[in-house]
Amino acid sequence: MGERVNQIGLSRNDYKGGNSTLCLGCGHNSISNQILAVAYELSINPHSVIKLSGIGCSSKSPAYFLNRAHGFNSLHGRMPSIASGATTANHQLIAVGVSGDGDSGSIGLGQFKHLIRRNVPMVYIVENNGVYGLTKGQFSATADMGQKLKYAGVNELPPIDICLEALASNASFVARSFAGDAVQVRELLKAAFSHKGTAVLDIISPCVTFNNHESSTKSYPYGKEHQEPLQDITFIPHYEEIVIQEYEPGKVQTVDLHDGSHVHLKKLDPTQHDPTDRVAAFRLLEEARQAGQFYHWSALH
């Protein structure tokens, strides 16, 4: 039996990237895996995707999924400018930006808010862990006030809320999730990919090296204990209605479904079937099962 493929003939392996160099257990790796899974399930052509990032642990993530896609790793906080230019120059691109709480909440906050104001068509993921993990765990702009870190001391400043900033900038799609809830992240990503405009996902993604103690709101223990889903998120994609052409009784018509499967319809000839004959109905159903077809009634002309 061959490898399972999606509607465009690609396997899940075709959506993989390089091996992660992030810490084992990092929430960013889980998010990368969900992006990979969603792109496969939605049958997104990797060549139609541009992956964008700035600087930080989060901004390394695009290397770990969709190795067939285009990619641009920009300067710290400058990813929104690159995304704006890329999507303006090529309207066919599917833009996925992966940023962090430092990249978007500190040096890139102005660019983040102006991108939202322009409603640039892209999926904008903020992998939020409250620390600068790439430079040894200093507090980021989203760190909790009063939070204690072994090497950074106590944070005395109030945090910036990524979702609040997005809403204040009139974002058309805003959601928050937790990297430890893979199912919810996956469904939100599906919705984000289908959104026409800027879709902001603030995903709490624990740093297992510098910020995973129970008192931190960006930790696995805290996230697991306090996560309260506001909705039961289930994404249902939009498809055009399937309509078949009229065909003659006794003929078989093959109908292609949206998931790549097929249904074989056979219209019964009303002159050759008596709907009041119970035994004949049993016989027809068994014939249809063996033939892999669906029989349906045709009204007399």
Protein backbone atom coordinates (compact mmCIF):
# COMPACT_ATOMS: atom_id res chain seq x y z
CA MET A 1 0.00 0.00 0.00
CA GLY A 2 1.45 3.36 -1.06
CA GLU A 3 2.06 6.42 1.06
CA ARG A 4 -1.08 8.42 1.80
CA VAL A 5 -1.34 11.67 -0.16
CA ASN A 6 -3.62 14.72 -0.07
CA GLN A 7 -5.71 16.28 -2.86
CA ILE A 8 -2.68 17.67 -4.70
CA GLY A 9 -0.77 14.39 -4.51
CA LEU A 10 1.67 15.29 -1.71
CA SER A 11 2.43 13.20 1.35
CA ARG A 12 2.86 14.54 4.86
CA ASN A 13 6.63 14.11 4.47
CA ASP A 14 6.56 16.59 1.59
CA TYR A 15 5.66 19.31 4.10
CA LYS A 16 8.53 18.68 6.51
CA GLY A 17 11.44 21.02 7.11
CA GLY A 18 14.87 20.63 8.65
CA ASN A 19 15.60 19.09 12.04
CA SER A 20 14.92 21.46 14.90
CA THR A 21 17.85 22.90 16.86
CA LEU A 22 15.56 24.29 19.58
CA CYS A 23 15.49 22.82 23.08
CA LEU A 24 13.75 19.47 23.48
CA GLY A 25 10.19 20.15 24.61
CA CYS A 26 10.09 23.73 23.30
CA GLY A 27 6.52 24.82 22.51
CA HIS A 28 7.74 26.31 19.22
CA ASN A 29 8.40 22.81 17.87
CA SER A 30 4.82 21.78 18.60
CA ILE A 31 3.52 24.82 16.70
CA SER A 32 5.75 23.98 13.72
CA ASN A 33 4.32 20.46 13.69
CA GLN A 34 0.77 21.84 13.64
CA ILE A 35 1.57 24.20 10.76
CA LEU A 36 2.94 21.22 8.85
CA ALA A 37 -0.16 19.13 9.62
CA VAL A 38 -2.57 21.90 8.61
CA ALA A 39 -0.80 22.65 5.32
CA TYR A 40 -1.01 18.94 4.47
CA GLU A 41 -4.67 18.61 5.49
CA LEU A 42 -5.73 21.72 3.57
CA SER A 43 -3.70 20.59 0.53
CA ILE A 44 -1.77 23.85 0.40
CA ASN A 45 0.89 23.89 -2.32
CA PRO A 46 4.20 24.60 -0.52
CA HIS A 47 5.48 26.53 -3.54
CA SER A 48 2.62 29.01 -2.98
CA VAL A 49 3.76 29.76 0.57
CA ILE A 50 6.24 32.36 1.78
CA LYS A 51 7.55 31.88 5.32
CA LEU A 52 8.63 35.08 7.05
CA SER A 53 10.36 35.77 10.35
CA GLY A 54 12.54 38.21 12.27
CA ILE A 55 15.04 37.33 14.98
CA GLY A 56 14.72 35.02 17.99
CA CYS A 57 14.04 31.38 18.82
CA SER A 58 10.57 31.72 17.28
CA SER A 59 12.01 33.17 14.09
CA LYS A 60 14.14 30.05 13.59
CA SER A 61 10.94 27.97 13.42
CA PRO A 62 10.17 28.43 9.69
CA ALA A 63 13.23 26.31 8.92
CA TYR A 64 11.44 23.36 10.54
CA PHE A 65 8.39 23.14 8.26
CA LEU A 66 7.55 23.38 4.52
CA ASN A 67 11.04 23.09 3.09
CA ARG A 68 9.59 23.52 -0.42
CA ALA A 69 8.20 26.97 0.39
CA HIS A 70 9.83 30.36 -0.15
CA GLY A 71 11.43 31.89 2.94
CA PHE A 72 12.75 35.21 4.18
CA ASN A 73 14.42 35.62 7.58
CA SER A 74 14.52 39.39 8.14
CA LEU A 75 15.97 41.73 10.76
CA HIS A 76 14.74 41.96 14.34
CA GLY A 77 11.19 43.36 14.34
CA ARG A 78 11.17 44.04 10.59
CA MET A 79 9.25 41.02 9.36
CA PRO A 80 5.97 43.00 8.85
CA SER A 81 7.67 45.23 6.26
CA ILE A 82 8.89 42.22 4.29
CA ALA A 83 5.44 40.61 4.52
CA SER A 84 3.77 43.79 3.28
CA GLY A 85 6.12 44.02 0.30
CA ALA A 86 5.90 40.35 -0.62
CA THR A 87 2.11 40.18 -0.55
CA THR A 88 1.81 43.46 -2.45
CA ALA A 89 4.16 42.27 -5.20
CA ASN A 90 2.58 38.82 -5.49
CA HIS A 91 -1.10 38.50 -4.56
CA GLN A 92 -0.97 34.73 -5.06
CA LEU A 93 1.42 34.12 -2.15
CA ILE A 94 0.16 32.55 1.07
CA ALA A 95 2.13 34.41 3.73
CA VAL A 96 2.94 32.83 7.09
CA GLY A 97 4.84 34.99 9.56
CA VAL A 98 6.35 33.46 12.69
CA SER A 99 7.42 35.96 15.30
CA GLY A 100 7.96 36.15 19.04
CA ASP A 101 7.05 38.31 21.99
CA GLY A 102 10.35 40.15 21.66
CA ASP A 103 10.28 40.39 17.87
CA SER A 104 6.68 41.71 17.77
CA GLY A 105 6.10 43.00 21.30
CA SER A 106 9.29 45.04 21.70
CA ILE A 107 11.43 46.21 18.79
CA GLY A 108 8.79 45.32 16.18
CA LEU A 109 5.65 46.57 17.96
CA GLY A 110 5.24 49.59 15.67
CA GLN A 111 5.60 47.49 12.53
CA PHE A 112 3.23 44.87 13.99
CA LYS A 113 0.48 47.44 14.56
CA HIS A 114 0.87 49.10 11.16
CA LEU A 115 0.71 45.73 9.39
CA ILE A 116 -2.58 45.04 11.18
CA ARG A 117 -3.86 48.53 10.31
CA ARG A 118 -3.26 47.72 6.64
CA ASN A 119 -4.89 44.27 7.08
CA VAL A 120 -2.07 42.56 5.15
CA PRO A 121 -3.31 39.11 4.02
CA MET A 122 -1.23 36.72 6.10
CA VAL A 123 -1.16 34.36 9.06
CA TYR A 124 0.77 36.16 11.81
CA ILE A 125 1.88 33.79 14.60
CA VAL A 126 3.42 35.12 17.79
CA GLU A 127 5.15 32.34 19.75
CA ASN A 128 4.88 33.95 23.17
CA ASN A 129 7.07 32.72 26.06
CA GLY A 130 7.81 35.91 28.01
CA VAL A 131 11.61 35.68 27.69
CA TYR A 132 14.45 36.23 25.24
CA GLY A 133 15.40 32.59 25.02
CA LEU A 134 17.98 33.09 22.29
CA THR A 135 20.03 35.49 24.45
CA LYS A 136 19.86 33.56 27.74
CA GLY A 137 16.49 34.38 29.25
CA GLN A 138 16.01 38.10 29.85
CA PHE A 139 12.45 39.39 30.37
CA SER A 140 10.49 40.26 27.24
CA ALA A 141 7.74 42.86 26.92
CA THR A 142 5.07 40.22 27.64
CA ALA A 143 6.66 39.01 30.89
CA ASP A 144 4.41 39.10 33.97
CA MET A 145 4.88 41.94 36.40
CA GLY A 146 6.62 40.56 39.49
CA GLN A 147 7.87 37.50 37.61
CA LYS A 148 11.14 36.06 38.91
CA LEU A 149 13.84 34.54 36.74
CA LYS A 150 17.01 32.92 37.99
CA TYR A 151 19.40 35.10 36.01
CA ALA A 152 17.23 38.18 35.35
CA GLY A 153 15.85 38.94 38.82
CA VAL A 154 12.33 40.38 39.23
CA ASN A 155 10.36 42.05 36.44
CA GLU A 156 9.04 45.43 37.61
CA LEU A 157 7.23 46.45 34.41
CA PRO A 158 3.63 45.68 33.34
CA PRO A 159 3.29 43.36 30.33
CA ILE A 160 2.11 44.12 26.81
CA ASP A 161 -0.86 41.98 25.72
CA ILE A 162 -0.42 40.92 22.08
CA CYS A 163 -4.13 40.24 21.55
CA LEU A 164 -5.12 43.57 23.13
CA GLU A 165 -2.69 45.43 20.86
CA ALA A 166 -4.09 43.60 17.82
CA LEU A 167 -7.69 44.42 18.75
CA ALA A 168 -6.81 48.06 19.39
CA SER A 169 -5.41 48.17 15.85
CA ASN A 170 -8.70 46.83 14.45
CA ALA A 171 -7.40 43.38 13.57
CA SER A 172 -9.96 41.34 11.65
CA PHE A 173 -8.92 37.99 13.20
CA VAL A 174 -7.45 37.57 16.70
CA ALA A 175 -7.06 34.36 18.69
CA ARG A 176 -5.03 33.09 21.62
CA SER A 177 -4.05 29.50 22.21
CA PHE A 178 -1.56 27.33 24.09
CA ALA A 179 1.14 25.25 22.42
CA GLY A 180 0.27 22.34 24.72
CA ASP A 181 -3.22 22.14 23.18
CA ALA A 182 -2.30 20.78 19.75
CA VAL A 183 -5.90 20.18 18.63
CA GLN A 184 -6.98 23.76 19.30
CA VAL A 185 -3.84 25.20 17.69
CA ARG A 186 -4.45 23.10 14.59
CA GLU A 187 -8.10 24.19 14.20
CA LEU A 188 -7.24 27.84 14.75
CA LEU A 189 -4.51 27.60 12.13
CA LYS A 190 -7.00 26.17 9.62
CA ALA A 191 -9.31 29.11 10.23
CA ALA A 192 -6.40 31.56 10.00
CA PHE A 193 -5.26 30.17 6.65
CA SER A 194 -8.78 30.67 5.31
CA HIS A 195 -9.10 34.25 6.58
CA LYS A 196 -8.94 37.11 4.07
CA GLY A 197 -6.71 39.60 5.88
CA THR A 198 -4.36 39.59 8.86
CA ALA A 199 -4.99 36.63 11.16
CA VAL A 200 -3.15 37.12 14.46
CA LEU A 201 -2.50 34.03 16.60
CA ASP A 202 -0.91 34.70 19.99
CA ILE A 203 0.20 31.24 21.08
CA ILE A 204 1.61 30.82 24.60
CA SER A 205 4.67 28.69 23.90
CA PRO A 206 6.64 27.78 27.05
CA CYS A 207 10.41 28.17 27.15
CA VAL A 208 11.46 24.96 28.87
CA THR A 209 14.96 26.31 29.61
CA PHE A 210 14.32 29.74 31.12
CA ASN A 211 10.63 30.19 31.90
CA ASN A 212 8.82 26.97 32.75
CA HIS A 213 8.31 27.31 36.51
CA GLU A 214 4.78 27.06 37.90
CA SER A 215 4.52 30.74 38.90
CA SER A 216 4.92 31.88 35.28
CA THR A 217 1.79 32.31 33.16
CA LYS A 218 3.91 31.26 30.16
CA SER A 219 4.77 27.81 31.58
CA TYR A 220 3.40 24.36 30.77
CA PRO A 221 2.15 23.73 34.35
CA TYR A 222 0.31 27.06 34.49
CA GLY A 223 -1.10 26.71 30.97
CA LYS A 224 -2.40 23.19 31.57
CA GLU A 225 -4.02 24.15 34.87
CA HIS A 226 -5.59 27.43 33.75
CA GLN A 227 -6.54 26.98 30.10
CA GLU A 228 -10.24 27.68 29.62
CA PRO A 229 -11.42 27.34 26.01
CA LEU A 230 -14.03 29.99 25.21
CA GLN A 231 -15.35 28.07 22.19
CA ASP A 232 -15.33 24.55 20.83
CA ILE A 233 -13.13 25.29 17.83
CA THR A 234 -13.91 23.13 14.81
CA PHE A 235 -12.96 24.40 11.37
CA ILE A 236 -15.28 23.59 8.47
CA PRO A 237 -13.83 24.64 5.11
CA HIS A 238 -15.97 26.28 2.46
CA TYR A 239 -16.62 24.23 -0.65
CA GLU A 240 -18.72 24.91 -3.71
CA GLU A 241 -21.87 22.83 -3.99
CA ILE A 242 -21.41 19.70 -6.12
CA VAL A 243 -24.05 19.58 -8.86
CA ILE A 244 -24.30 16.77 -11.42
CA GLN A 245 -25.58 17.01 -14.97
CA GLU A 246 -28.73 15.18 -16.00
CA TYR A 247 -28.02 11.71 -17.38
CA GLU A 248 -30.00 8.81 -18.78
CA PRO A 249 -31.55 6.02 -16.67
CA GLY A 250 -29.42 2.88 -16.58
CA LYS A 251 -26.20 4.88 -16.96
CA VAL A 252 -23.44 5.34 -14.33
CA GLN A 253 -22.03 8.77 -13.51
CA THR A 254 -18.84 9.28 -11.47
CA VAL A 255 -18.88 12.28 -9.13
CA ASP A 256 -15.59 13.72 -7.86
CA LEU A 257 -15.80 14.83 -4.21
CA HIS A 258 -13.81 17.65 -2.59
CA ASP A 259 -11.55 15.30 -0.64
CA GLY A 260 -10.40 13.52 -3.81
CA SER A 261 -12.67 10.50 -3.40
CA HIS A 262 -15.37 9.47 -5.89
CA VAL A 263 -18.98 8.36 -5.82
CA HIS A 264 -20.44 6.21 -8.60
CA LEU A 265 -24.12 6.93 -9.17
CA LYS A 266 -26.39 4.68 -11.22
CA LYS A 267 -29.84 5.91 -12.12
CA LEU A 268 -32.43 3.12 -12.11
CA ASP A 269 -34.63 2.69 -15.13
CA PRO A 270 -38.20 3.03 -13.76
CA THR A 271 -39.49 0.71 -16.46
CA GLN A 272 -37.20 -2.11 -15.24
CA HIS A 273 -37.65 -1.81 -11.47
CA ASP A 274 -40.76 -2.29 -9.39
CA PRO A 275 -40.41 -0.22 -6.18
CA THR A 276 -43.09 -2.36 -4.49
CA ASP A 277 -41.05 -5.57 -4.95
CA ARG A 278 -39.21 -6.08 -1.62
CA VAL A 279 -37.14 -9.02 -2.88
CA ALA A 280 -36.05 -7.02 -5.92
CA ALA A 281 -34.96 -4.18 -3.62
CA PHE A 282 -32.72 -6.57 -1.67
CA ARG A 283 -31.24 -7.84 -4.92
CA LEU A 284 -30.53 -4.32 -6.18
CA LEU A 285 -28.83 -3.28 -2.95
CA GLU A 286 -26.54 -6.33 -3.06
CA GLU A 287 -25.71 -5.66 -6.71
CA ALA A 288 -24.88 -2.04 -5.85
CA ARG A 289 -22.65 -3.10 -2.97
CA GLN A 290 -20.69 -5.52 -5.15
CA ALA A 291 -20.35 -2.92 -7.91
CA GLY A 292 -19.36 -0.14 -5.50
CA GLN A 293 -22.19 2.05 -6.74
CA PHE A 294 -25.14 4.02 -5.36
CA TYR A 295 -28.45 3.29 -7.08
CA HIS A 296 -31.08 6.00 -7.11
CA TRP A 297 -34.55 6.35 -8.50
CA SER A 298 -35.42 8.08 -11.74
CA ALA A 299 -38.88 9.52 -12.24
CA LEU A 300 -40.73 8.61 -15.40
CA HIS A 301 -40.51 11.12 -18.21
